[in-house]
Amino acid sequence: MKIGFQLLILITVCFSCKEENIFDLSPSERSAKHISELRKELIDAPHGWCVTYFPRTDSLLFTNVNEQIAQFEYRDKYGYGGHCFFMKFADNGTVETIADYDEQSRVNSRFSEFEISQNTFTQLSFTTYNYLHSLVNNQFTASSDFLYTGKDVDGNLVFRTASYIEPAREYIVFTKLKGENSWTEDMHKAYDNNRFFQEMKNPQLVIRKADRIYFRSNMQTRVIDNRNADSPKRKKQEEYQRYQLFLFAKVPYAPNGWPKEVVGLGSGYVGTIDGLTFRPGIRYNKNYTFYDFRREGNRFVCELVKVFDPYSKTERWVSKHLAPNGELTGVIAEIWDESNN
């Protein structure tokens, strides 16, 4: 009994010592430390950051490959894609930004101010107007206040906003630019890849493994009919929202009508340095989810490999060009313009 009581005291003393070590800084000192660390991280990137921002994603939209899709109905359900910004943070509290919106925004920098504060999260706020603020509207529901959640397995900075409680409703990742020429050349590549995809007249998707086809779209969604006043307007809306739906007609087209059975897969997208990134991803099933496509000639290709995540101790399926040493799966998704064939 005496020995047990002594062990209990010893354990209590050990935990007390551990608590003191954890809270060796006062709350105000911890806040200042978190602010200083994030500020230093942002500023200590000599070539700046590639910021990929999907402010409004829906992980349930067009992700059930067995769900029937009705004529015209799908056009009102289109989701929203992402945007690419390059940012350089300076010690004087300013940030230089270019964006992938158009030819002007990708080369003409805008300078604004930023602040870092600490509440529940360490918060990065863009306090004066830059390109990002044009997404703070009722459609994209973006925010200019980013909450820092930490680094991912690749060392990228990951943020969220206070707009959503649910997970997977937005995607904000800061990737450090690697070279002096990245600021102009990499933005040009991201802009060009996005434009190349948007100019495809009839993009189609196939998901396959060797000779087995899991999904292959066969319907044209980007129909431009100049006799229909709504057609160019719809194309402009799709490009603005940056959302793509791939449709498959299970039975042949009825004469002048909608096929009897239509299914599809869709996702928001944004142009990247390598090709395209889709969020929440083109989701065929849990493992066969395609996020990052590499442009190969006139096609965008995503070959999945398996990698082990040491932090979560789980296996992840990612694009081969992002993990060249990953275990091959043979599962490939390709996007091409059927109008060129």
C-alpha atoms as a PDB file:
ATOM      1  CA  MET A   1       0.000   0.000   0.000  1.00  0.00           C
ATOM      2  CA  LYS A   2       2.815   2.336   0.966  1.00  0.00           C
ATOM      3  CA  ILE A   3       4.735   1.505  -2.245  1.00  0.00           C
ATOM      4  CA  GLY A   4       1.626   2.189  -4.359  1.00  0.00           C
ATOM      5  CA  PHE A   5       1.098   5.570  -2.731  1.00  0.00           C
ATOM      6  CA  GLN A   6       4.737   6.514  -3.376  1.00  0.00           C
ATOM      7  CA  LEU A   7       4.363   5.582  -7.075  1.00  0.00           C
ATOM      8  CA  LEU A   8       1.242   7.747  -7.321  1.00  0.00           C
ATOM      9  CA  ILE A   9       3.137  10.739  -5.889  1.00  0.00           C
ATOM     10  CA  LEU A  10       6.030  10.097  -8.285  1.00  0.00           C
ATOM     11  CA  ILE A  11       3.672  10.000 -11.308  1.00  0.00           C
ATOM     12  CA  THR A  12       1.958  13.187 -10.138  1.00  0.00           C
ATOM     13  CA  VAL A  13       5.304  14.955  -9.770  1.00  0.00           C
ATOM     14  CA  CYS A  14       6.351  13.818 -13.265  1.00  0.00           C
ATOM     15  CA  PHE A  15       3.147  15.171 -14.834  1.00  0.00           C
ATOM     16  CA  SER A  16       3.547  18.414 -12.904  1.00  0.00           C
ATOM     17  CA  CYS A  17       7.057  18.838 -14.272  1.00  0.00           C
ATOM     18  CA  LYS A  18       5.775  18.139 -17.815  1.00  0.00           C
ATOM     19  CA  GLU A  19       2.995  20.731 -17.487  1.00  0.00           C
ATOM     20  CA  GLU A  20       5.492  23.348 -16.338  1.00  0.00           C
ATOM     21  CA  ASN A  21       7.665  22.621 -19.400  1.00  0.00           C
ATOM     22  CA  ILE A  22       4.698  22.909 -21.761  1.00  0.00           C
ATOM     23  CA  PHE A  23       3.606  26.242 -20.363  1.00  0.00           C
ATOM     24  CA  ASP A  24       7.022  27.767 -19.870  1.00  0.00           C
ATOM     25  CA  LEU A  25       5.769  30.813 -21.792  1.00  0.00           C
ATOM     26  CA  SER A  26       2.922  33.094 -20.801  1.00  0.00           C
ATOM     27  CA  PRO A  27      -0.162  33.262 -23.090  1.00  0.00           C
ATOM     28  CA  SER A  28       0.962  36.602 -24.506  1.00  0.00           C
ATOM     29  CA  GLU A  29       4.473  35.246 -25.116  1.00  0.00           C
ATOM     30  CA  ARG A  30       3.069  32.179 -26.900  1.00  0.00           C
ATOM     31  CA  SER A  31       0.878  34.393 -29.089  1.00  0.00           C
ATOM     32  CA  ALA A  32       3.829  36.600 -29.972  1.00  0.00           C
ATOM     33  CA  LYS A  33       5.912  33.484 -30.758  1.00  0.00           C
ATOM     34  CA  HIS A  34       3.268  32.075 -33.128  1.00  0.00           C
ATOM     35  CA  ILE A  35       2.897  35.434 -34.894  1.00  0.00           C
ATOM     36  CA  SER A  36       6.649  35.840 -35.245  1.00  0.00           C
ATOM     37  CA  GLU A  37       7.124  32.294 -36.602  1.00  0.00           C
ATOM     38  CA  LEU A  38       4.467  32.615 -39.319  1.00  0.00           C
ATOM     39  CA  ARG A  39       5.642  36.102 -40.266  1.00  0.00           C
ATOM     40  CA  LYS A  40       9.234  34.858 -40.593  1.00  0.00           C
ATOM     41  CA  GLU A  41       8.095  31.830 -42.626  1.00  0.00           C
ATOM     42  CA  LEU A  42       6.220  34.032 -45.111  1.00  0.00           C
ATOM     43  CA  ILE A  43       8.941  36.662 -45.471  1.00  0.00           C
ATOM     44  CA  ASP A  44      11.821  34.157 -45.687  1.00  0.00           C
ATOM     45  CA  ALA A  45      10.735  32.995 -49.151  1.00  0.00           C
ATOM     46  CA  PRO A  46      12.962  35.027 -51.474  1.00  0.00           C
ATOM     47  CA  HIS A  47      11.057  34.102 -54.631  1.00  0.00           C
ATOM     48  CA  GLY A  48       7.594  34.245 -53.039  1.00  0.00           C
ATOM     49  CA  TRP A  49       4.715  31.802 -52.758  1.00  0.00           C
ATOM     50  CA  CYS A  50       2.301  30.095 -55.132  1.00  0.00           C
ATOM     51  CA  VAL A  51      -1.087  30.375 -53.411  1.00  0.00           C
ATOM     52  CA  THR A  52      -3.760  27.935 -54.606  1.00  0.00           C
ATOM     53  CA  TYR A  53      -7.167  28.979 -53.325  1.00  0.00           C
ATOM     54  CA  PHE A  54     -10.459  27.100 -53.843  1.00  0.00           C
ATOM     55  CA  PRO A  55     -12.869  29.169 -51.712  1.00  0.00           C
ATOM     56  CA  ARG A  56     -16.008  27.119 -52.364  1.00  0.00           C
ATOM     57  CA  THR A  57     -15.730  23.364 -52.849  1.00  0.00           C
ATOM     58  CA  ASP A  58     -18.389  20.684 -52.469  1.00  0.00           C
ATOM     59  CA  SER A  59     -17.093  17.150 -51.942  1.00  0.00           C
ATOM     60  CA  LEU A  60     -20.545  15.637 -52.640  1.00  0.00           C
ATOM     61  CA  LEU A  61     -21.277  17.376 -55.941  1.00  0.00           C
ATOM     62  CA  PHE A  62     -21.085  15.084 -58.996  1.00  0.00           C
ATOM     63  CA  THR A  63     -18.995  12.466 -57.175  1.00  0.00           C
ATOM     64  CA  ASN A  64     -21.460   9.559 -57.378  1.00  0.00           C
ATOM     65  CA  VAL A  65     -20.771   7.877 -60.690  1.00  0.00           C
ATOM     66  CA  ASN A  66     -24.042   5.938 -60.447  1.00  0.00           C
ATOM     67  CA  GLU A  67     -26.298   8.958 -59.892  1.00  0.00           C
ATOM     68  CA  GLN A  68     -28.616   9.862 -62.772  1.00  0.00           C
ATOM     69  CA  ILE A  69     -28.224  13.387 -64.161  1.00  0.00           C
ATOM     70  CA  ALA A  70     -31.231  15.092 -65.703  1.00  0.00           C
ATOM     71  CA  GLN A  71     -31.192  17.295 -68.787  1.00  0.00           C
ATOM     72  CA  PHE A  72     -30.587  21.033 -68.113  1.00  0.00           C
ATOM     73  CA  GLU A  73     -30.702  20.419 -64.356  1.00  0.00           C
ATOM     74  CA  TYR A  74     -26.942  19.923 -64.092  1.00  0.00           C
ATOM     75  CA  ARG A  75     -26.175  23.367 -65.521  1.00  0.00           C
ATOM     76  CA  ASP A  76     -27.663  25.059 -62.460  1.00  0.00           C
ATOM     77  CA  LYS A  77     -25.673  22.833 -60.123  1.00  0.00           C
ATOM     78  CA  TYR A  78     -22.201  23.684 -61.375  1.00  0.00           C
ATOM     79  CA  GLY A  79     -19.754  24.223 -58.532  1.00  0.00           C
ATOM     80  CA  TYR A  80     -16.804  26.572 -58.244  1.00  0.00           C
ATOM     81  CA  GLY A  81     -13.134  26.150 -58.967  1.00  0.00           C
ATOM     82  CA  GLY A  82      -9.940  27.760 -57.779  1.00  0.00           C
ATOM     83  CA  HIS A  83      -7.472  30.530 -58.510  1.00  0.00           C
ATOM     84  CA  CYS A  84      -3.726  30.847 -58.489  1.00  0.00           C
ATOM     85  CA  PHE A  85      -1.933  33.804 -56.892  1.00  0.00           C
ATOM     86  CA  PHE A  86       1.769  34.493 -56.532  1.00  0.00           C
ATOM     87  CA  MET A  87       2.668  36.502 -53.420  1.00  0.00           C
ATOM     88  CA  LYS A  88       5.838  38.028 -51.990  1.00  0.00           C
ATOM     89  CA  PHE A  89       5.693  39.164 -48.371  1.00  0.00           C
ATOM     90  CA  ALA A  90       7.980  41.988 -47.197  1.00  0.00           C
ATOM     91  CA  ASP A  91       9.203  42.886 -43.742  1.00  0.00           C
ATOM     92  CA  ASN A  92       7.481  46.290 -43.925  1.00  0.00           C
ATOM     93  CA  GLY A  93       4.042  44.606 -43.896  1.00  0.00           C
ATOM     94  CA  THR A  94       3.324  44.754 -47.627  1.00  0.00           C
ATOM     95  CA  VAL A  95       2.607  41.909 -50.035  1.00  0.00           C
ATOM     96  CA  GLU A  96       3.086  41.934 -53.809  1.00  0.00           C
ATOM     97  CA  THR A  97       0.519  39.872 -55.735  1.00  0.00           C
ATOM     98  CA  ILE A  98      -0.157  38.711 -59.277  1.00  0.00           C
ATOM     99  CA  ALA A  99      -3.098  36.486 -60.266  1.00  0.00           C
ATOM    100  CA  ASP A 100      -4.148  34.106 -63.027  1.00  0.00           C
ATOM    101  CA  TYR A 101      -7.336  36.033 -63.882  1.00  0.00           C
ATOM    102  CA  ASP A 102      -6.241  37.424 -67.271  1.00  0.00           C
ATOM    103  CA  GLU A 103      -3.253  38.634 -69.321  1.00  0.00           C
ATOM    104  CA  GLN A 104      -2.935  41.825 -67.258  1.00  0.00           C
ATOM    105  CA  SER A 105      -3.273  40.369 -63.769  1.00  0.00           C
ATOM    106  CA  ARG A 106      -0.654  37.695 -64.437  1.00  0.00           C
ATOM    107  CA  VAL A 107       2.075  40.312 -65.054  1.00  0.00           C
ATOM    108  CA  ASN A 108       0.924  43.529 -63.320  1.00  0.00           C
ATOM    109  CA  SER A 109       1.658  43.400 -59.590  1.00  0.00           C
ATOM    110  CA  ARG A 110      -0.601  44.893 -56.963  1.00  0.00           C
ATOM    111  CA  PHE A 111       0.788  45.904 -53.591  1.00  0.00           C
ATOM    112  CA  SER A 112      -1.313  45.687 -50.459  1.00  0.00           C
ATOM    113  CA  GLU A 113      -0.819  45.343 -46.710  1.00  0.00           C
ATOM    114  CA  PHE A 114      -1.017  42.294 -44.496  1.00  0.00           C
ATOM    115  CA  GLU A 115      -1.187  41.629 -40.760  1.00  0.00           C
ATOM    116  CA  ILE A 116      -0.684  38.549 -38.618  1.00  0.00           C
ATOM    117  CA  SER A 117      -2.598  38.185 -35.378  1.00  0.00           C
ATOM    118  CA  GLN A 118      -3.355  35.451 -32.872  1.00  0.00           C
ATOM    119  CA  ASN A 119      -6.667  34.238 -31.498  1.00  0.00           C
ATOM    120  CA  THR A 120      -7.584  30.554 -31.534  1.00  0.00           C
ATOM    121  CA  PHE A 121      -5.505  30.298 -34.729  1.00  0.00           C
ATOM    122  CA  THR A 122      -2.626  32.356 -36.036  1.00  0.00           C
ATOM    123  CA  GLN A 123      -4.390  34.546 -38.607  1.00  0.00           C
ATOM    124  CA  LEU A 124      -3.018  36.066 -41.816  1.00  0.00           C
ATOM    125  CA  SER A 125      -5.166  39.024 -42.942  1.00  0.00           C
ATOM    126  CA  PHE A 126      -4.923  40.965 -46.187  1.00  0.00           C
ATOM    127  CA  THR A 127      -5.981  44.346 -44.854  1.00  0.00           C
ATOM    128  CA  THR A 128      -5.946  46.415 -48.058  1.00  0.00           C
ATOM    129  CA  TYR A 129      -7.227  45.545 -51.508  1.00  0.00           C
ATOM    130  CA  ASN A 130      -5.414  43.114 -53.782  1.00  0.00           C
ATOM    131  CA  TYR A 131      -6.477  40.610 -56.475  1.00  0.00           C
ATOM    132  CA  LEU A 132      -7.792  38.133 -53.913  1.00  0.00           C
ATOM    133  CA  HIS A 133     -10.518  40.518 -52.751  1.00  0.00           C
ATOM    134  CA  SER A 134     -12.367  40.227 -56.078  1.00  0.00           C
ATOM    135  CA  LEU A 135     -13.377  36.710 -54.933  1.00  0.00           C
ATOM    136  CA  VAL A 136     -14.882  38.038 -51.701  1.00  0.00           C
ATOM    137  CA  ASN A 137     -18.442  38.097 -53.028  1.00  0.00           C
ATOM    138  CA  ASN A 138     -21.671  36.129 -52.809  1.00  0.00           C
ATOM    139  CA  GLN A 139     -20.649  33.723 -55.571  1.00  0.00           C
ATOM    140  CA  PHE A 140     -17.193  32.590 -54.481  1.00  0.00           C
ATOM    141  CA  THR A 141     -17.699  33.430 -50.787  1.00  0.00           C
ATOM    142  CA  ALA A 142     -13.937  33.887 -50.378  1.00  0.00           C
ATOM    143  CA  SER A 143     -12.326  35.459 -47.327  1.00  0.00           C
ATOM    144  CA  SER A 144      -9.328  37.777 -46.891  1.00  0.00           C
ATOM    145  CA  ASP A 145      -8.599  36.334 -43.429  1.00  0.00           C
ATOM    146  CA  PHE A 146      -6.695  33.024 -43.477  1.00  0.00           C
ATOM    147  CA  LEU A 147      -6.301  30.830 -40.381  1.00  0.00           C
ATOM    148  CA  TYR A 148      -3.011  28.925 -40.277  1.00  0.00           C
ATOM    149  CA  THR A 149      -3.432  25.193 -39.558  1.00  0.00           C
ATOM    150  CA  GLY A 150       0.160  23.996 -40.106  1.00  0.00           C
ATOM    151  CA  LYS A 151       2.279  22.308 -42.769  1.00  0.00           C
ATOM    152  CA  ASP A 152       1.351  19.339 -44.931  1.00  0.00           C
ATOM    153  CA  VAL A 153       3.640  16.360 -45.550  1.00  0.00           C
ATOM    154  CA  ASP A 154       5.339  18.230 -48.400  1.00  0.00           C
ATOM    155  CA  GLY A 155       6.152  21.270 -46.243  1.00  0.00           C
ATOM    156  CA  ASN A 156       3.497  23.529 -47.787  1.00  0.00           C
ATOM    157  CA  LEU A 157       1.617  25.973 -45.552  1.00  0.00           C
ATOM    158  CA  VAL A 158      -2.056  25.074 -45.135  1.00  0.00           C
ATOM    159  CA  PHE A 159      -4.770  27.557 -44.186  1.00  0.00           C
ATOM    160  CA  ARG A 160      -8.520  27.612 -43.732  1.00  0.00           C
ATOM    161  CA  THR A 161     -11.043  30.385 -43.094  1.00  0.00           C
ATOM    162  CA  ALA A 162     -13.820  30.922 -40.592  1.00  0.00           C
ATOM    163  CA  SER A 163     -16.413  30.626 -43.385  1.00  0.00           C
ATOM    164  CA  TYR A 164     -16.980  26.894 -42.880  1.00  0.00           C
ATOM    165  CA  ILE A 165     -17.160  24.527 -39.939  1.00  0.00           C
ATOM    166  CA  GLU A 166     -17.317  21.418 -42.148  1.00  0.00           C
ATOM    167  CA  PRO A 167     -14.110  19.953 -43.640  1.00  0.00           C
ATOM    168  CA  ALA A 168     -13.368  19.877 -47.388  1.00  0.00           C
ATOM    169  CA  ARG A 169     -15.349  23.037 -48.163  1.00  0.00           C
ATOM    170  CA  GLU A 170     -12.294  25.086 -49.145  1.00  0.00           C
ATOM    171  CA  TYR A 171      -8.650  24.579 -50.055  1.00  0.00           C
ATOM    172  CA  ILE A 172      -5.823  27.065 -49.337  1.00  0.00           C
ATOM    173  CA  VAL A 173      -2.208  25.980 -49.808  1.00  0.00           C
ATOM    174  CA  PHE A 174       0.963  28.110 -49.977  1.00  0.00           C
ATOM    175  CA  THR A 175       3.820  26.482 -51.934  1.00  0.00           C
ATOM    176  CA  LYS A 176       7.229  28.124 -51.894  1.00  0.00           C
ATOM    177  CA  LEU A 177       8.469  29.227 -55.330  1.00  0.00           C
ATOM    178  CA  LYS A 178      11.850  27.721 -56.110  1.00  0.00           C
ATOM    179  CA  GLY A 179      13.683  29.985 -58.536  1.00  0.00           C
ATOM    180  CA  GLU A 180      14.343  33.572 -59.505  1.00  0.00           C
ATOM    181  CA  ASN A 181      12.422  33.153 -62.739  1.00  0.00           C
ATOM    182  CA  SER A 182       9.450  31.445 -61.078  1.00  0.00           C
ATOM    183  CA  TRP A 183       7.587  34.730 -60.583  1.00  0.00           C
ATOM    184  CA  THR A 184       7.048  35.302 -64.303  1.00  0.00           C
ATOM    185  CA  GLU A 185       7.678  31.931 -65.935  1.00  0.00           C
ATOM    186  CA  ASP A 186       5.690  29.754 -63.531  1.00  0.00           C
ATOM    187  CA  MET A 187       2.709  32.122 -63.525  1.00  0.00           C
ATOM    188  CA  HIS A 188       2.780  32.077 -67.322  1.00  0.00           C
ATOM    189  CA  LYS A 189       2.695  28.262 -67.262  1.00  0.00           C
ATOM    190  CA  ALA A 190      -0.200  28.163 -64.781  1.00  0.00           C
ATOM    191  CA  TYR A 191      -2.169  30.748 -66.758  1.00  0.00           C
ATOM    192  CA  ASP A 192      -1.453  29.010 -70.069  1.00  0.00           C
ATOM    193  CA  ASN A 193      -2.480  25.573 -68.771  1.00  0.00           C
ATOM    194  CA  ASN A 194      -5.751  26.979 -67.435  1.00  0.00           C
ATOM    195  CA  ARG A 195      -6.489  28.756 -70.723  1.00  0.00           C
ATOM    196  CA  PHE A 196      -5.529  25.685 -72.791  1.00  0.00           C
ATOM    197  CA  PHE A 197      -8.062  23.587 -70.875  1.00  0.00           C
ATOM    198  CA  GLN A 198     -10.791  26.223 -71.101  1.00  0.00           C
ATOM    199  CA  GLU A 199     -10.299  26.498 -74.869  1.00  0.00           C
ATOM    200  CA  MET A 200     -10.905  22.794 -75.381  1.00  0.00           C
ATOM    201  CA  LYS A 201     -14.167  22.582 -77.323  1.00  0.00           C
ATOM    202  CA  ASN A 202     -15.025  19.063 -76.268  1.00  0.00           C
ATOM    203  CA  PRO A 203     -12.947  17.857 -73.277  1.00  0.00           C
ATOM    204  CA  GLN A 204     -13.425  14.202 -72.427  1.00  0.00           C
ATOM    205  CA  LEU A 205     -12.221  12.055 -69.527  1.00  0.00           C
ATOM    206  CA  VAL A 206     -11.194   8.424 -69.312  1.00  0.00           C
ATOM    207  CA  ILE A 207     -10.289   6.509 -66.135  1.00  0.00           C
ATOM    208  CA  ARG A 208      -8.558   3.220 -66.844  1.00  0.00           C
ATOM    209  CA  LYS A 209      -6.198   0.540 -65.610  1.00  0.00           C
ATOM    210  CA  ALA A 210      -4.466  -1.300 -68.437  1.00  0.00           C
ATOM    211  CA  ASP A 211      -7.270  -2.391 -70.797  1.00  0.00           C
ATOM    212  CA  ARG A 212     -10.053  -1.985 -68.249  1.00  0.00           C
ATOM    213  CA  ILE A 213     -12.086   1.215 -68.597  1.00  0.00           C
ATOM    214  CA  TYR A 214     -13.765   2.379 -65.362  1.00  0.00           C
ATOM    215  CA  PHE A 215     -15.262   5.587 -66.745  1.00  0.00           C
ATOM    216  CA  ARG A 216     -15.221   7.270 -70.130  1.00  0.00           C
ATOM    217  CA  SER A 217     -17.237  10.403 -70.865  1.00  0.00           C
ATOM    218  CA  ASN A 218     -18.902  10.652 -74.262  1.00  0.00           C
ATOM    219  CA  MET A 219     -21.111  13.745 -74.173  1.00  0.00           C
ATOM    220  CA  GLN A 220     -20.219  17.290 -75.150  1.00  0.00           C
ATOM    221  CA  THR A 221     -20.941  19.818 -72.396  1.00  0.00           C
ATOM    222  CA  ARG A 222     -19.260  22.847 -73.946  1.00  0.00           C
ATOM    223  CA  VAL A 223     -21.711  23.365 -76.788  1.00  0.00           C
ATOM    224  CA  ILE A 224     -21.431  26.828 -78.312  1.00  0.00           C
ATOM    225  CA  ASP A 225     -24.456  27.561 -80.425  1.00  0.00           C
ATOM    226  CA  ASN A 226     -24.496  31.172 -81.682  1.00  0.00           C
ATOM    227  CA  ARG A 227     -28.200  30.806 -82.466  1.00  0.00           C
ATOM    228  CA  ASN A 228     -28.836  30.333 -78.775  1.00  0.00           C
ATOM    229  CA  ALA A 229     -28.239  33.567 -76.837  1.00  0.00           C
ATOM    230  CA  ASP A 230     -27.705  31.625 -73.627  1.00  0.00           C
ATOM    231  CA  SER A 231     -24.930  29.457 -75.033  1.00  0.00           C
ATOM    232  CA  PRO A 232     -22.004  31.987 -75.038  1.00  0.00           C
ATOM    233  CA  LYS A 233     -23.257  33.283 -71.703  1.00  0.00           C
ATOM    234  CA  ARG A 234     -23.131  29.786 -70.252  1.00  0.00           C
ATOM    235  CA  LYS A 235     -19.593  29.229 -71.562  1.00  0.00           C
ATOM    236  CA  LYS A 236     -18.477  32.484 -69.950  1.00  0.00           C
ATOM    237  CA  GLN A 237     -20.094  31.428 -66.676  1.00  0.00           C
ATOM    238  CA  GLU A 238     -18.348  28.040 -66.771  1.00  0.00           C
ATOM    239  CA  GLU A 239     -14.985  29.700 -67.367  1.00  0.00           C
ATOM    240  CA  TYR A 240     -15.605  32.174 -64.551  1.00  0.00           C
ATOM    241  CA  GLN A 241     -16.642  29.432 -62.136  1.00  0.00           C
ATOM    242  CA  ARG A 242     -13.889  27.082 -63.356  1.00  0.00           C
ATOM    243  CA  TYR A 243     -15.920  23.928 -62.960  1.00  0.00           C
ATOM    244  CA  GLN A 244     -15.935  20.957 -65.338  1.00  0.00           C
ATOM    245  CA  LEU A 245     -18.447  18.131 -65.590  1.00  0.00           C
ATOM    246  CA  PHE A 246     -17.742  15.010 -67.650  1.00  0.00           C
ATOM    247  CA  LEU A 247     -20.915  13.181 -68.751  1.00  0.00           C
ATOM    248  CA  PHE A 248     -21.437   9.608 -69.924  1.00  0.00           C
ATOM    249  CA  ALA A 249     -24.567   8.477 -71.788  1.00  0.00           C
ATOM    250  CA  LYS A 250     -25.193   4.841 -70.906  1.00  0.00           C
ATOM    251  CA  VAL A 251     -27.558   4.339 -73.838  1.00  0.00           C
ATOM    252  CA  PRO A 252     -27.394   5.942 -77.301  1.00  0.00           C
ATOM    253  CA  TYR A 253     -28.825   9.378 -77.858  1.00  0.00           C
ATOM    254  CA  ALA A 254     -32.541   9.528 -78.523  1.00  0.00           C
ATOM    255  CA  PRO A 255     -33.358  11.469 -81.717  1.00  0.00           C
ATOM    256  CA  ASN A 256     -33.391  15.173 -80.773  1.00  0.00           C
ATOM    257  CA  GLY A 257     -33.558  14.270 -77.125  1.00  0.00           C
ATOM    258  CA  TRP A 258     -31.644  13.596 -73.927  1.00  0.00           C
ATOM    259  CA  PRO A 259     -30.191  10.105 -73.446  1.00  0.00           C
ATOM    260  CA  LYS A 260     -32.231   7.858 -71.206  1.00  0.00           C
ATOM    261  CA  GLU A 261     -29.446   7.305 -68.685  1.00  0.00           C
ATOM    262  CA  VAL A 262     -26.699   9.880 -68.028  1.00  0.00           C
ATOM    263  CA  VAL A 263     -24.108   9.848 -65.242  1.00  0.00           C
ATOM    264  CA  GLY A 264     -21.060  12.007 -64.656  1.00  0.00           C
ATOM    265  CA  LEU A 265     -18.109  13.153 -62.585  1.00  0.00           C
ATOM    266  CA  GLY A 266     -17.211  16.783 -61.925  1.00  0.00           C
ATOM    267  CA  SER A 267     -14.914  19.069 -59.979  1.00  0.00           C
ATOM    268  CA  GLY A 268     -13.618  22.615 -59.769  1.00  0.00           C
ATOM    269  CA  TYR A 269     -10.188  23.204 -61.289  1.00  0.00           C
ATOM    270  CA  VAL A 270      -7.324  25.674 -61.618  1.00  0.00           C
ATOM    271  CA  GLY A 271      -4.280  25.865 -63.879  1.00  0.00           C
ATOM    272  CA  THR A 272      -0.956  25.003 -62.236  1.00  0.00           C
ATOM    273  CA  ILE A 273       2.693  25.100 -63.198  1.00  0.00           C
ATOM    274  CA  ASP A 274       2.517  21.420 -64.186  1.00  0.00           C
ATOM    275  CA  GLY A 275      -0.998  21.276 -65.595  1.00  0.00           C
ATOM    276  CA  LEU A 276      -4.293  21.335 -63.708  1.00  0.00           C
ATOM    277  CA  THR A 277      -5.372  20.804 -60.116  1.00  0.00           C
ATOM    278  CA  PHE A 278      -8.917  19.629 -59.348  1.00  0.00           C
ATOM    279  CA  ARG A 279     -10.578  20.164 -55.953  1.00  0.00           C
ATOM    280  CA  PRO A 280     -12.380  18.376 -54.372  1.00  0.00           C
ATOM    281  CA  GLY A 281     -11.048  16.127 -57.127  1.00  0.00           C
ATOM    282  CA  ILE A 282     -12.478  13.868 -59.813  1.00  0.00           C
ATOM    283  CA  ARG A 283     -13.700  11.154 -57.478  1.00  0.00           C
ATOM    284  CA  TYR A 284     -14.481   7.726 -58.942  1.00  0.00           C
ATOM    285  CA  ASN A 285     -14.119   6.020 -55.539  1.00  0.00           C
ATOM    286  CA  LYS A 286     -12.123   6.493 -52.328  1.00  0.00           C
ATOM    287  CA  ASN A 287      -8.775   5.552 -53.859  1.00  0.00           C
ATOM    288  CA  TYR A 288      -9.453   6.455 -57.469  1.00  0.00           C
ATOM    289  CA  THR A 289      -9.638  10.200 -56.815  1.00  0.00           C
ATOM    290  CA  PHE A 290      -7.694  12.396 -59.207  1.00  0.00           C
ATOM    291  CA  TYR A 291      -6.421  15.781 -58.029  1.00  0.00           C
ATOM    292  CA  ASP A 292      -3.301  16.807 -59.931  1.00  0.00           C
ATOM    293  CA  PHE A 293      -2.921  16.407 -63.687  1.00  0.00           C
ATOM    294  CA  ARG A 294       0.275  16.945 -65.635  1.00  0.00           C
ATOM    295  CA  ARG A 295       0.082  18.418 -69.117  1.00  0.00           C
ATOM    296  CA  GLU A 296       1.622  16.058 -71.656  1.00  0.00           C
ATOM    297  CA  GLY A 297       1.350  17.617 -75.115  1.00  0.00           C
ATOM    298  CA  ASN A 298      -2.330  18.210 -75.794  1.00  0.00           C
ATOM    299  CA  ARG A 299      -3.477  16.025 -72.895  1.00  0.00           C
ATOM    300  CA  PHE A 300      -3.682  16.251 -69.127  1.00  0.00           C
ATOM    301  CA  VAL A 301      -2.653  13.011 -67.402  1.00  0.00           C
ATOM    302  CA  CYS A 302      -2.883  11.836 -63.787  1.00  0.00           C
ATOM    303  CA  GLU A 303      -1.255   8.469 -63.000  1.00  0.00           C
ATOM    304  CA  LEU A 304      -1.829   7.392 -59.405  1.00  0.00           C
ATOM    305  CA  VAL A 305       0.907   5.955 -57.182  1.00  0.00           C
ATOM    306  CA  LYS A 306       0.768   4.864 -53.547  1.00  0.00           C
ATOM    307  CA  VAL A 307       2.889   6.588 -50.888  1.00  0.00           C
ATOM    308  CA  PHE A 308       3.080   6.128 -47.122  1.00  0.00           C
ATOM    309  CA  ASP A 309       2.301   9.173 -45.001  1.00  0.00           C
ATOM    310  CA  PRO A 310       4.552   8.972 -41.890  1.00  0.00           C
ATOM    311  CA  TYR A 311       2.467  11.531 -39.992  1.00  0.00           C
ATOM    312  CA  SER A 312      -0.947   9.916 -40.349  1.00  0.00           C
ATOM    313  CA  LYS A 313       0.641   6.449 -40.780  1.00  0.00           C
ATOM    314  CA  THR A 314      -1.711   5.798 -43.663  1.00  0.00           C
ATOM    315  CA  GLU A 315      -1.346   5.145 -47.356  1.00  0.00           C
ATOM    316  CA  ARG A 316      -2.151   7.926 -49.819  1.00  0.00           C
ATOM    317  CA  TRP A 317      -2.860   7.774 -53.561  1.00  0.00           C
ATOM    318  CA  VAL A 318      -1.241  10.727 -55.306  1.00  0.00           C
ATOM    319  CA  SER A 319      -0.130  11.769 -58.776  1.00  0.00           C
ATOM    320  CA  LYS A 320       3.056  10.146 -60.014  1.00  0.00           C
ATOM    321  CA  HIS A 321       4.663  13.437 -61.078  1.00  0.00           C
ATOM    322  CA  LEU A 322       4.385  14.634 -57.451  1.00  0.00           C
ATOM    323  CA  ALA A 323       5.774  11.385 -55.992  1.00  0.00           C
ATOM    324  CA  PRO A 324       8.022   9.765 -58.629  1.00  0.00           C
ATOM    325  CA  ASN A 325       9.206   7.073 -56.196  1.00  0.00           C
ATOM    326  CA  GLY A 326       5.696   5.992 -55.212  1.00  0.00           C
ATOM    327  CA  GLU A 327       4.385   2.476 -55.769  1.00  0.00           C
ATOM    328  CA  LEU A 328       2.805   2.181 -59.207  1.00  0.00           C
ATOM    329  CA  THR A 329      -0.914   1.341 -59.350  1.00  0.00           C
ATOM    330  CA  GLY A 330      -1.518   1.439 -63.102  1.00  0.00           C
ATOM    331  CA  VAL A 331      -4.586   3.639 -62.544  1.00  0.00           C
ATOM    332  CA  ILE A 332      -4.620   6.551 -64.971  1.00  0.00           C
ATOM    333  CA  ALA A 333      -7.005   9.389 -65.800  1.00  0.00           C
ATOM    334  CA  GLU A 334      -6.605  11.364 -69.014  1.00  0.00           C
ATOM    335  CA  ILE A 335      -8.326  14.469 -70.372  1.00  0.00           C
ATOM    336  CA  TRP A 336      -8.186  15.388 -74.046  1.00  0.00           C
ATOM    337  CA  ASP A 337     -10.068  17.442 -76.597  1.00  0.00           C
ATOM    338  CA  GLU A 338     -12.251  15.093 -78.619  1.00  0.00           C
ATOM    339  CA  SER A 339     -12.807  17.790 -81.253  1.00  0.00           C
ATOM    340  CA  ASN A 340      -9.149  17.440 -82.278  1.00  0.00           C
ATOM    341  CA  ASN A 341      -9.508  13.733 -83.077  1.00  0.00           C
END
